[in-house]
């Protein structure tokens, strides 16, 4: 309990400090990486809430927004409605949103949160190996992966730019 409380306090302080520091700074762009410069996304094998295994290969041929988040992360929870909207609007056109919860308590913590919130996309629980592969150090972290399994954009240790992300999704859905 104490470590979760401390994590919330530290996360909030970090978010506030980052916000104040960024006020006079232009937002770093996460515009799409040119096709020829995109690197393969790290493979993963994680379980969803029903115990089914999910892998990166399951999303081959689809545009994937892979969102690393946690129930204690304020910024992460702010993004969930945006991702839910994108899943509803663009899912039929080939988009998949997948959340990867990084809570220390795993499903014991995540399932009650999911029960209290209607989230229309697949949720997985992450592990240290996956976090290391993706370079996760602070949350939220979101990766946009093209239809060929390559990282097309990354928003690391910050909120996504909602309009920019939507524009990127549209562009990636139109790529062959």
N, C-alpha and C. Protein backbone atom coordinates (compact mmCIF):
# COMPACT_ATOMS: atom_id res chain seq x y z
N UNK A 1 0.82 -1.19 0.00
CA UNK A 1 0.00 0.00 0.00
C UNK A 1 0.87 1.26 0.00
N UNK A 2 1.89 1.28 0.85
CA UNK A 2 2.76 2.44 0.94
C UNK A 2 3.50 2.67 -0.37
N UNK A 3 3.97 1.60 -1.01
CA UNK A 3 4.71 1.78 -2.27
C UNK A 3 3.79 2.33 -3.36
N UNK A 4 2.52 1.90 -3.39
CA UNK A 4 1.59 2.43 -4.38
C UNK A 4 1.32 3.91 -4.11
N UNK A 5 1.14 4.29 -2.84
CA UNK A 5 0.90 5.68 -2.48
C UNK A 5 2.11 6.53 -2.88
N UNK A 6 3.30 6.03 -2.57
CA UNK A 6 4.52 6.75 -2.93
C UNK A 6 4.64 6.88 -4.44
N UNK A 7 4.30 5.83 -5.16
CA UNK A 7 4.36 5.85 -6.62
C UNK A 7 3.40 6.91 -7.17
N UNK A 8 2.20 6.99 -6.62
CA UNK A 8 1.23 7.98 -7.07
C UNK A 8 1.76 9.40 -6.82
N UNK A 9 2.29 9.63 -5.63
CA UNK A 9 2.83 10.95 -5.30
C UNK A 9 3.98 11.31 -6.24
N UNK A 10 4.92 10.39 -6.41
CA UNK A 10 6.07 10.65 -7.27
C UNK A 10 5.65 10.85 -8.73
N UNK A 11 4.70 10.03 -9.18
CA UNK A 11 4.21 10.16 -10.55
C UNK A 11 3.54 11.51 -10.76
N UNK A 12 2.75 11.94 -9.79
CA UNK A 12 2.08 13.23 -9.88
C UNK A 12 3.09 14.38 -9.89
N UNK A 13 4.08 14.31 -9.00
CA UNK A 13 5.11 15.34 -8.98
C UNK A 13 5.88 15.39 -10.29
N UNK A 14 6.23 14.23 -10.82
CA UNK A 14 6.95 14.18 -12.08
C UNK A 14 6.10 14.78 -13.20
N UNK A 15 4.82 14.45 -13.23
CA UNK A 15 3.93 14.98 -14.25
C UNK A 15 3.83 16.50 -14.13
N UNK A 16 3.70 17.02 -12.91
CA UNK A 16 3.64 18.47 -12.70
C UNK A 16 4.93 19.16 -13.12
N UNK A 17 6.06 18.61 -12.71
CA UNK A 17 7.34 19.20 -13.08
C UNK A 17 7.55 19.19 -14.58
N UNK A 18 7.19 18.08 -15.21
CA UNK A 18 7.31 17.98 -16.66
C UNK A 18 6.41 18.99 -17.35
N UNK A 19 5.19 19.16 -16.83
CA UNK A 19 4.25 20.12 -17.41
C UNK A 19 4.78 21.54 -17.31
N UNK A 20 5.29 21.92 -16.13
CA UNK A 20 5.83 23.27 -15.95
C UNK A 20 7.05 23.49 -16.83
N UNK A 21 7.90 22.51 -16.92
CA UNK A 21 9.11 22.65 -17.73
C UNK A 21 8.77 22.75 -19.21
N UNK A 22 7.68 22.11 -19.61
CA UNK A 22 7.32 22.08 -21.03
C UNK A 22 6.53 23.30 -21.48
N UNK A 23 6.07 24.12 -20.54
CA UNK A 23 5.21 25.24 -20.91
C UNK A 23 5.84 26.17 -21.93
N UNK A 24 7.13 26.44 -21.81
CA UNK A 24 7.80 27.35 -22.72
C UNK A 24 8.52 26.62 -23.84
N UNK A 25 8.39 25.32 -23.88
CA UNK A 25 9.10 24.52 -24.86
C UNK A 25 8.12 24.05 -25.94
N UNK A 26 8.56 24.02 -27.19
CA UNK A 26 7.70 23.43 -28.20
C UNK A 26 7.56 21.93 -27.94
N UNK A 27 6.41 21.41 -28.24
CA UNK A 27 6.16 19.99 -28.04
C UNK A 27 7.02 19.18 -29.01
N UNK A 28 7.74 18.16 -28.50
CA UNK A 28 8.52 17.34 -29.42
C UNK A 28 7.59 16.61 -30.37
N UNK A 29 7.94 16.54 -31.60
CA UNK A 29 7.07 15.92 -32.60
C UNK A 29 7.24 14.41 -32.60
N UNK A 30 6.14 13.73 -32.69
CA UNK A 30 6.16 12.30 -32.87
C UNK A 30 5.57 11.97 -34.23
N UNK A 31 5.81 12.85 -35.17
CA UNK A 31 5.32 12.61 -36.52
C UNK A 31 5.81 11.25 -36.99
N UNK A 32 5.12 10.74 -37.95
CA UNK A 32 5.47 9.41 -38.45
C UNK A 32 6.90 9.34 -38.95
N UNK A 33 7.55 8.26 -38.59
CA UNK A 33 8.89 7.96 -39.08
C UNK A 33 8.73 7.58 -40.56
N UNK A 34 9.59 8.08 -41.45
CA UNK A 34 9.50 7.68 -42.86
C UNK A 34 9.54 6.15 -42.99
N UNK A 35 8.81 5.63 -43.93
CA UNK A 35 8.66 4.17 -44.10
C UNK A 35 10.00 3.45 -44.09
N UNK A 36 10.97 3.96 -44.82
CA UNK A 36 12.26 3.28 -44.94
C UNK A 36 13.11 3.34 -43.66
N UNK A 37 12.75 4.22 -42.74
CA UNK A 37 13.51 4.37 -41.50
C UNK A 37 12.86 3.65 -40.31
N UNK A 38 11.74 3.02 -40.51
CA UNK A 38 11.04 2.36 -39.42
C UNK A 38 11.73 1.06 -39.02
N UNK A 39 11.82 0.85 -37.71
CA UNK A 39 12.44 -0.36 -37.15
C UNK A 39 11.34 -1.33 -36.71
N UNK A 40 11.66 -2.62 -36.75
CA UNK A 40 10.70 -3.63 -36.32
C UNK A 40 10.36 -3.43 -34.84
N UNK A 41 9.08 -3.54 -34.53
CA UNK A 41 8.64 -3.46 -33.14
C UNK A 41 9.08 -4.74 -32.42
N UNK A 42 9.49 -4.62 -31.18
CA UNK A 42 9.86 -5.83 -30.43
C UNK A 42 8.67 -6.78 -30.29
N UNK A 43 8.94 -8.03 -30.43
CA UNK A 43 7.90 -9.04 -30.26
C UNK A 43 7.51 -9.13 -28.79
N UNK A 44 6.29 -9.55 -28.54
CA UNK A 44 5.84 -9.77 -27.16
C UNK A 44 4.87 -10.92 -27.12
N UNK A 45 4.77 -11.54 -25.98
CA UNK A 45 3.78 -12.58 -25.71
C UNK A 45 3.24 -12.30 -24.31
N UNK A 46 2.00 -11.83 -24.25
CA UNK A 46 1.37 -11.45 -22.99
C UNK A 46 -0.05 -12.01 -22.94
N UNK A 47 -0.62 -12.07 -21.75
CA UNK A 47 -1.98 -12.61 -21.59
C UNK A 47 -2.99 -11.50 -21.38
N UNK A 48 -4.19 -11.74 -21.94
CA UNK A 48 -5.29 -10.81 -21.70
C UNK A 48 -6.10 -11.28 -20.49
N UNK A 49 -7.16 -10.58 -20.18
CA UNK A 49 -7.92 -10.86 -18.96
C UNK A 49 -8.61 -12.22 -18.98
N UNK A 50 -8.79 -12.80 -20.16
CA UNK A 50 -9.42 -14.13 -20.23
C UNK A 50 -8.38 -15.25 -20.26
N UNK A 51 -7.09 -14.88 -20.18
CA UNK A 51 -6.02 -15.87 -20.18
C UNK A 51 -5.52 -16.23 -21.57
N UNK A 52 -6.07 -15.59 -22.60
CA UNK A 52 -5.62 -15.84 -23.97
C UNK A 52 -4.32 -15.10 -24.23
N UNK A 53 -3.44 -15.74 -24.98
CA UNK A 53 -2.15 -15.16 -25.30
C UNK A 53 -2.27 -14.19 -26.48
N UNK A 54 -1.60 -13.08 -26.36
CA UNK A 54 -1.53 -12.10 -27.44
C UNK A 54 -0.07 -11.92 -27.82
N UNK A 55 0.17 -11.85 -29.12
CA UNK A 55 1.52 -11.60 -29.62
C UNK A 55 1.46 -10.48 -30.65
N UNK A 56 2.60 -9.91 -30.96
CA UNK A 56 2.66 -8.88 -31.99
C UNK A 56 2.16 -9.43 -33.32
N UNK A 57 2.48 -10.68 -33.61
CA UNK A 57 2.07 -11.30 -34.87
C UNK A 57 0.55 -11.36 -35.03
N UNK A 58 -0.20 -11.38 -33.91
CA UNK A 58 -1.66 -11.38 -33.98
C UNK A 58 -2.20 -10.14 -34.70
N UNK A 59 -1.38 -9.09 -34.76
CA UNK A 59 -1.82 -7.82 -35.32
C UNK A 59 -1.19 -7.51 -36.68
N UNK A 60 -0.56 -8.51 -37.27
CA UNK A 60 0.03 -8.36 -38.59
C UNK A 60 -1.07 -7.95 -39.58
N UNK A 61 -0.78 -6.95 -40.41
CA UNK A 61 -1.75 -6.48 -41.38
C UNK A 61 -2.67 -5.40 -40.84
N UNK A 62 -2.55 -5.09 -39.54
CA UNK A 62 -3.36 -4.05 -38.91
C UNK A 62 -2.44 -2.95 -38.39
N UNK A 63 -2.96 -1.76 -38.25
CA UNK A 63 -2.24 -0.68 -37.58
C UNK A 63 -2.51 -0.89 -36.09
N UNK A 64 -1.46 -0.87 -35.30
CA UNK A 64 -1.58 -1.15 -33.87
C UNK A 64 -1.11 0.05 -33.04
N UNK A 65 -1.96 0.49 -32.12
CA UNK A 65 -1.55 1.47 -31.12
C UNK A 65 -1.35 0.67 -29.84
N UNK A 66 -0.11 0.57 -29.41
CA UNK A 66 0.26 -0.21 -28.23
C UNK A 66 0.52 0.78 -27.10
N UNK A 67 -0.38 0.78 -26.13
CA UNK A 67 -0.35 1.78 -25.05
C UNK A 67 0.07 1.14 -23.74
N UNK A 68 1.22 1.52 -23.23
CA UNK A 68 1.69 1.08 -21.92
C UNK A 68 1.14 2.06 -20.89
N UNK A 69 0.41 1.55 -19.89
CA UNK A 69 -0.29 2.39 -18.94
C UNK A 69 -0.35 1.71 -17.58
N UNK A 70 -0.93 2.39 -16.60
CA UNK A 70 -1.15 1.81 -15.27
C UNK A 70 -2.35 2.49 -14.63
N UNK A 71 -2.99 1.78 -13.73
CA UNK A 71 -4.19 2.32 -13.08
C UNK A 71 -3.88 3.52 -12.21
N UNK A 72 -2.65 3.67 -11.76
CA UNK A 72 -2.26 4.79 -10.90
C UNK A 72 -1.77 6.01 -11.69
N UNK A 73 -1.67 5.88 -13.00
CA UNK A 73 -1.10 6.93 -13.86
C UNK A 73 -2.21 7.85 -14.38
N UNK A 74 -2.22 9.08 -13.89
CA UNK A 74 -3.25 10.05 -14.26
C UNK A 74 -3.26 10.32 -15.76
N UNK A 75 -2.10 10.57 -16.34
CA UNK A 75 -2.03 10.83 -17.78
C UNK A 75 -2.51 9.65 -18.61
N UNK A 76 -2.17 8.45 -18.15
CA UNK A 76 -2.60 7.24 -18.86
C UNK A 76 -4.12 7.17 -18.92
N UNK A 77 -4.75 7.44 -17.80
CA UNK A 77 -6.21 7.36 -17.73
C UNK A 77 -6.86 8.47 -18.55
N UNK A 78 -6.17 9.58 -18.74
CA UNK A 78 -6.68 10.66 -19.57
C UNK A 78 -6.75 10.23 -21.04
N UNK A 79 -5.81 9.40 -21.46
CA UNK A 79 -5.75 8.97 -22.86
C UNK A 79 -6.78 7.89 -23.21
N UNK A 80 -7.20 7.11 -22.24
CA UNK A 80 -8.07 5.96 -22.51
C UNK A 80 -9.33 6.34 -23.30
N UNK A 81 -10.05 7.42 -22.97
CA UNK A 81 -11.22 7.75 -23.79
C UNK A 81 -10.87 8.07 -25.25
N UNK A 82 -9.70 8.68 -25.47
CA UNK A 82 -9.28 8.97 -26.85
C UNK A 82 -9.06 7.66 -27.60
N UNK A 83 -8.34 6.74 -26.95
CA UNK A 83 -8.05 5.46 -27.60
C UNK A 83 -9.34 4.68 -27.84
N UNK A 84 -10.27 4.76 -26.90
CA UNK A 84 -11.57 4.09 -27.06
C UNK A 84 -12.29 4.63 -28.29
N UNK A 85 -12.27 5.94 -28.45
CA UNK A 85 -12.91 6.57 -29.61
C UNK A 85 -12.25 6.10 -30.91
N UNK A 86 -10.91 6.08 -30.93
CA UNK A 86 -10.21 5.64 -32.14
C UNK A 86 -10.54 4.19 -32.47
N UNK A 87 -10.63 3.34 -31.45
CA UNK A 87 -10.96 1.93 -31.68
C UNK A 87 -12.33 1.80 -32.34
N UNK A 88 -13.30 2.57 -31.84
CA UNK A 88 -14.67 2.50 -32.39
C UNK A 88 -14.72 3.03 -33.82
N UNK A 89 -14.03 4.14 -34.08
CA UNK A 89 -14.11 4.79 -35.39
C UNK A 89 -13.25 4.07 -36.43
N UNK A 90 -12.02 3.71 -36.06
CA UNK A 90 -11.07 3.19 -37.05
C UNK A 90 -10.86 1.68 -36.99
N UNK A 91 -11.38 1.02 -35.96
CA UNK A 91 -11.25 -0.44 -35.86
C UNK A 91 -11.73 -1.17 -37.10
N UNK A 92 -12.90 -0.82 -37.61
CA UNK A 92 -13.38 -1.51 -38.82
C UNK A 92 -12.51 -1.28 -40.05
N UNK A 93 -11.66 -0.26 -40.01
CA UNK A 93 -10.78 0.05 -41.14
C UNK A 93 -9.39 -0.57 -40.98
N UNK A 94 -9.15 -1.28 -39.86
CA UNK A 94 -7.86 -1.97 -39.70
C UNK A 94 -7.01 -1.50 -38.54
N UNK A 95 -7.59 -0.78 -37.59
CA UNK A 95 -6.86 -0.32 -36.41
C UNK A 95 -7.15 -1.22 -35.23
N UNK A 96 -6.13 -1.52 -34.46
CA UNK A 96 -6.29 -2.21 -33.17
C UNK A 96 -5.60 -1.37 -32.11
N UNK A 97 -6.31 -1.12 -31.03
CA UNK A 97 -5.73 -0.48 -29.86
C UNK A 97 -5.53 -1.59 -28.85
N UNK A 98 -4.36 -1.65 -28.24
CA UNK A 98 -4.08 -2.65 -27.21
C UNK A 98 -3.42 -1.94 -26.03
N UNK A 99 -4.01 -2.09 -24.86
CA UNK A 99 -3.43 -1.53 -23.65
C UNK A 99 -2.57 -2.57 -22.96
N UNK A 100 -1.43 -2.15 -22.46
CA UNK A 100 -0.54 -3.03 -21.70
C UNK A 100 -0.38 -2.42 -20.30
N UNK A 101 -1.10 -2.99 -19.34
CA UNK A 101 -1.07 -2.47 -17.98
C UNK A 101 0.23 -2.88 -17.30
N UNK A 102 0.87 -1.92 -16.67
CA UNK A 102 2.16 -2.16 -16.02
C UNK A 102 2.05 -2.10 -14.49
N UNK A 103 0.87 -2.33 -13.96
CA UNK A 103 0.68 -2.32 -12.51
C UNK A 103 1.42 -3.47 -11.85
N UNK A 104 2.05 -3.18 -10.71
CA UNK A 104 2.77 -4.22 -9.96
C UNK A 104 1.87 -5.37 -9.55
N UNK A 105 0.63 -5.09 -9.24
CA UNK A 105 -0.30 -6.12 -8.79
C UNK A 105 -0.90 -6.96 -9.90
N UNK A 106 -0.56 -6.67 -11.15
CA UNK A 106 -1.07 -7.45 -12.28
C UNK A 106 -2.59 -7.44 -12.36
N UNK A 107 -3.16 -8.57 -12.76
CA UNK A 107 -4.60 -8.66 -12.95
C UNK A 107 -5.39 -8.39 -11.67
N UNK A 108 -4.79 -8.65 -10.53
CA UNK A 108 -5.47 -8.39 -9.26
C UNK A 108 -5.85 -6.91 -9.13
N UNK A 109 -5.03 -6.04 -9.68
CA UNK A 109 -5.28 -4.60 -9.65
C UNK A 109 -6.04 -4.15 -10.90
N UNK A 110 -5.70 -4.72 -12.04
CA UNK A 110 -6.24 -4.24 -13.32
C UNK A 110 -7.69 -4.67 -13.53
N UNK A 111 -8.05 -5.90 -13.20
CA UNK A 111 -9.42 -6.37 -13.44
C UNK A 111 -10.48 -5.51 -12.75
N UNK A 112 -10.30 -5.12 -11.48
CA UNK A 112 -11.32 -4.24 -10.89
C UNK A 112 -11.44 -2.90 -11.62
N UNK A 113 -10.32 -2.37 -12.08
CA UNK A 113 -10.36 -1.11 -12.83
C UNK A 113 -11.15 -1.30 -14.12
N UNK A 114 -10.87 -2.39 -14.83
CA UNK A 114 -11.57 -2.65 -16.09
C UNK A 114 -13.06 -2.90 -15.86
N UNK A 115 -13.40 -3.52 -14.75
CA UNK A 115 -14.81 -3.75 -14.43
C UNK A 115 -15.55 -2.45 -14.20
N UNK A 116 -14.87 -1.45 -13.69
CA UNK A 116 -15.49 -0.17 -13.37
C UNK A 116 -15.52 0.79 -14.58
N UNK A 117 -14.80 0.45 -15.64
CA UNK A 117 -14.71 1.33 -16.81
C UNK A 117 -14.97 0.52 -18.07
N UNK A 118 -15.76 1.06 -18.95
CA UNK A 118 -16.05 0.39 -20.22
C UNK A 118 -14.98 0.77 -21.23
N UNK A 119 -14.03 -0.14 -21.44
CA UNK A 119 -12.94 0.11 -22.39
C UNK A 119 -13.10 -0.90 -23.53
N UNK A 120 -13.31 -0.39 -24.76
CA UNK A 120 -13.67 -1.27 -25.87
C UNK A 120 -12.50 -1.91 -26.62
N UNK A 121 -11.34 -1.95 -25.99
CA UNK A 121 -10.21 -2.57 -26.67
C UNK A 121 -9.51 -3.55 -25.73
N UNK A 122 -8.67 -4.38 -26.31
CA UNK A 122 -8.02 -5.46 -25.58
C UNK A 122 -6.99 -4.93 -24.59
N UNK A 123 -7.00 -5.55 -23.43
CA UNK A 123 -6.03 -5.20 -22.39
C UNK A 123 -5.18 -6.41 -22.07
N UNK A 124 -3.89 -6.14 -21.87
CA UNK A 124 -2.92 -7.15 -21.49
C UNK A 124 -2.23 -6.66 -20.23
N UNK A 125 -1.58 -7.56 -19.52
CA UNK A 125 -0.72 -7.15 -18.41
C UNK A 125 0.72 -7.36 -18.85
N UNK A 126 1.50 -6.30 -18.72
CA UNK A 126 2.89 -6.33 -19.15
C UNK A 126 3.80 -7.00 -18.15
N UNK A 127 5.02 -7.21 -18.57
CA UNK A 127 6.04 -7.80 -17.69
C UNK A 127 7.35 -7.03 -17.88
N UNK A 128 8.31 -7.33 -17.04
CA UNK A 128 9.60 -6.61 -17.09
C UNK A 128 10.31 -6.79 -18.43
N UNK A 129 10.23 -7.98 -19.00
CA UNK A 129 10.92 -8.23 -20.27
C UNK A 129 10.36 -7.35 -21.39
N UNK A 130 9.04 -7.26 -21.47
CA UNK A 130 8.41 -6.43 -22.50
C UNK A 130 8.72 -4.96 -22.26
N UNK A 131 8.66 -4.53 -21.00
CA UNK A 131 8.98 -3.14 -20.67
C UNK A 131 10.41 -2.81 -21.09
N UNK A 132 11.32 -3.72 -20.85
CA UNK A 132 12.72 -3.50 -21.21
C UNK A 132 12.88 -3.42 -22.73
N UNK A 133 12.21 -4.32 -23.46
CA UNK A 133 12.31 -4.32 -24.92
C UNK A 133 11.84 -3.00 -25.52
N UNK A 134 10.79 -2.43 -24.93
CA UNK A 134 10.23 -1.19 -25.45
C UNK A 134 10.83 0.06 -24.79
N UNK A 135 11.75 -0.13 -23.85
CA UNK A 135 12.39 1.00 -23.20
C UNK A 135 11.47 1.79 -22.29
N UNK A 136 10.53 1.09 -21.66
CA UNK A 136 9.56 1.75 -20.78
C UNK A 136 10.26 2.12 -19.47
N UNK A 137 10.26 3.42 -19.16
CA UNK A 137 10.83 3.89 -17.90
C UNK A 137 9.82 4.71 -17.12
N UNK A 138 9.02 5.49 -17.82
CA UNK A 138 7.97 6.30 -17.22
C UNK A 138 6.71 6.15 -18.07
N UNK A 139 5.58 6.34 -17.46
CA UNK A 139 4.32 6.21 -18.18
C UNK A 139 3.66 7.58 -18.29
N UNK A 140 2.82 7.78 -19.30
CA UNK A 140 2.42 6.83 -20.35
C UNK A 140 3.45 6.73 -21.47
N UNK A 141 3.46 5.58 -22.11
CA UNK A 141 4.27 5.33 -23.31
C UNK A 141 3.36 4.68 -24.34
N UNK A 142 3.35 5.24 -25.55
CA UNK A 142 2.49 4.72 -26.60
C UNK A 142 3.29 4.58 -27.88
N UNK A 143 3.12 3.43 -28.53
CA UNK A 143 3.82 3.14 -29.78
C UNK A 143 2.78 2.89 -30.86
N UNK A 144 3.01 3.49 -32.02
CA UNK A 144 2.14 3.29 -33.17
C UNK A 144 2.91 2.40 -34.13
N UNK A 145 2.32 1.26 -34.43
CA UNK A 145 3.00 0.22 -35.21
C UNK A 145 2.25 0.04 -36.53
N UNK A 146 2.98 0.07 -37.63
CA UNK A 146 2.34 -0.02 -38.94
C UNK A 146 1.91 -1.45 -39.26
N UNK A 147 1.27 -1.63 -40.41
CA UNK A 147 0.71 -2.94 -40.81
C UNK A 147 1.78 -4.02 -40.97
N UNK A 148 3.05 -3.60 -41.05
CA UNK A 148 4.16 -4.53 -41.24
C UNK A 148 4.95 -4.79 -39.96
N UNK A 149 4.41 -4.33 -38.83
CA UNK A 149 5.05 -4.59 -37.54
C UNK A 149 6.22 -3.69 -37.22
N UNK A 150 6.26 -2.50 -37.84
CA UNK A 150 7.35 -1.56 -37.60
C UNK A 150 6.84 -0.35 -36.82
N UNK A 151 7.69 0.18 -35.94
CA UNK A 151 7.30 1.35 -35.14
C UNK A 151 7.30 2.58 -36.05
N UNK A 152 6.11 3.16 -36.18
CA UNK A 152 5.93 4.33 -37.05
C UNK A 152 5.96 5.63 -36.26
N UNK A 153 5.65 5.57 -34.97
CA UNK A 153 5.68 6.76 -34.09
C UNK A 153 5.75 6.28 -32.66
N UNK A 154 6.33 7.11 -31.80
CA UNK A 154 6.43 6.76 -30.37
C UNK A 154 6.22 8.01 -29.53
N UNK A 155 5.43 7.86 -28.50
CA UNK A 155 5.20 8.91 -27.51
C UNK A 155 5.70 8.33 -26.21
N UNK A 156 6.90 8.71 -25.78
CA UNK A 156 7.49 8.10 -24.60
C UNK A 156 7.51 9.06 -23.43
N UNK A 157 7.02 8.56 -22.29
CA UNK A 157 6.97 9.30 -21.02
C UNK A 157 6.20 10.60 -21.16
N UNK A 158 5.14 10.56 -21.98
CA UNK A 158 4.29 11.74 -22.13
C UNK A 158 2.96 11.34 -22.77
N UNK A 159 2.00 12.24 -22.63
CA UNK A 159 0.72 12.04 -23.29
C UNK A 159 0.90 12.08 -24.79
N UNK A 160 0.05 11.36 -25.49
CA UNK A 160 0.04 11.49 -26.94
C UNK A 160 -0.53 12.86 -27.29
N UNK A 161 -0.19 13.36 -28.44
CA UNK A 161 -0.86 14.53 -28.99
C UNK A 161 -2.07 13.97 -29.73
N UNK A 162 -3.24 14.23 -29.18
CA UNK A 162 -4.47 13.59 -29.66
C UNK A 162 -4.69 13.79 -31.17
N UNK A 163 -4.59 15.02 -31.64
CA UNK A 163 -4.83 15.30 -33.06
C UNK A 163 -3.75 14.69 -33.95
N UNK A 164 -2.51 14.78 -33.49
CA UNK A 164 -1.40 14.22 -34.25
C UNK A 164 -1.53 12.70 -34.36
N UNK A 165 -1.92 12.07 -33.25
CA UNK A 165 -2.09 10.61 -33.27
C UNK A 165 -3.19 10.22 -34.24
N UNK A 166 -4.29 10.93 -34.21
CA UNK A 166 -5.38 10.60 -35.13
C UNK A 166 -4.95 10.77 -36.58
N UNK A 167 -4.22 11.84 -36.87
CA UNK A 167 -3.71 12.05 -38.23
C UNK A 167 -2.77 10.91 -38.64
N UNK A 168 -1.93 10.47 -37.70
CA UNK A 168 -1.01 9.36 -37.98
C UNK A 168 -1.78 8.07 -38.25
N UNK A 169 -2.81 7.82 -37.45
CA UNK A 169 -3.63 6.62 -37.65
C UNK A 169 -4.24 6.64 -39.05
N UNK A 170 -4.82 7.76 -39.44
CA UNK A 170 -5.44 7.88 -40.77
C UNK A 170 -4.41 7.62 -41.87
N UNK A 171 -3.23 8.23 -41.72
CA UNK A 171 -2.20 8.06 -42.75
C UNK A 171 -1.75 6.60 -42.82
N UNK A 172 -1.53 5.96 -41.67
CA UNK A 172 -1.09 4.57 -41.67
C UNK A 172 -2.16 3.64 -42.23
N UNK A 173 -3.41 3.92 -41.96
CA UNK A 173 -4.48 3.09 -42.51
C UNK A 173 -4.56 3.20 -44.03
N UNK A 174 -4.10 4.32 -44.57
CA UNK A 174 -4.13 4.49 -46.03
C UNK A 174 -2.90 3.90 -46.71
N UNK A 175 -1.85 3.57 -45.93
CA UNK A 175 -0.65 2.97 -46.53
C UNK A 175 -0.93 1.53 -46.95
N UNK A 176 -0.28 1.12 -48.01
CA UNK A 176 -0.43 -0.26 -48.49
C UNK A 176 0.53 -1.18 -47.81
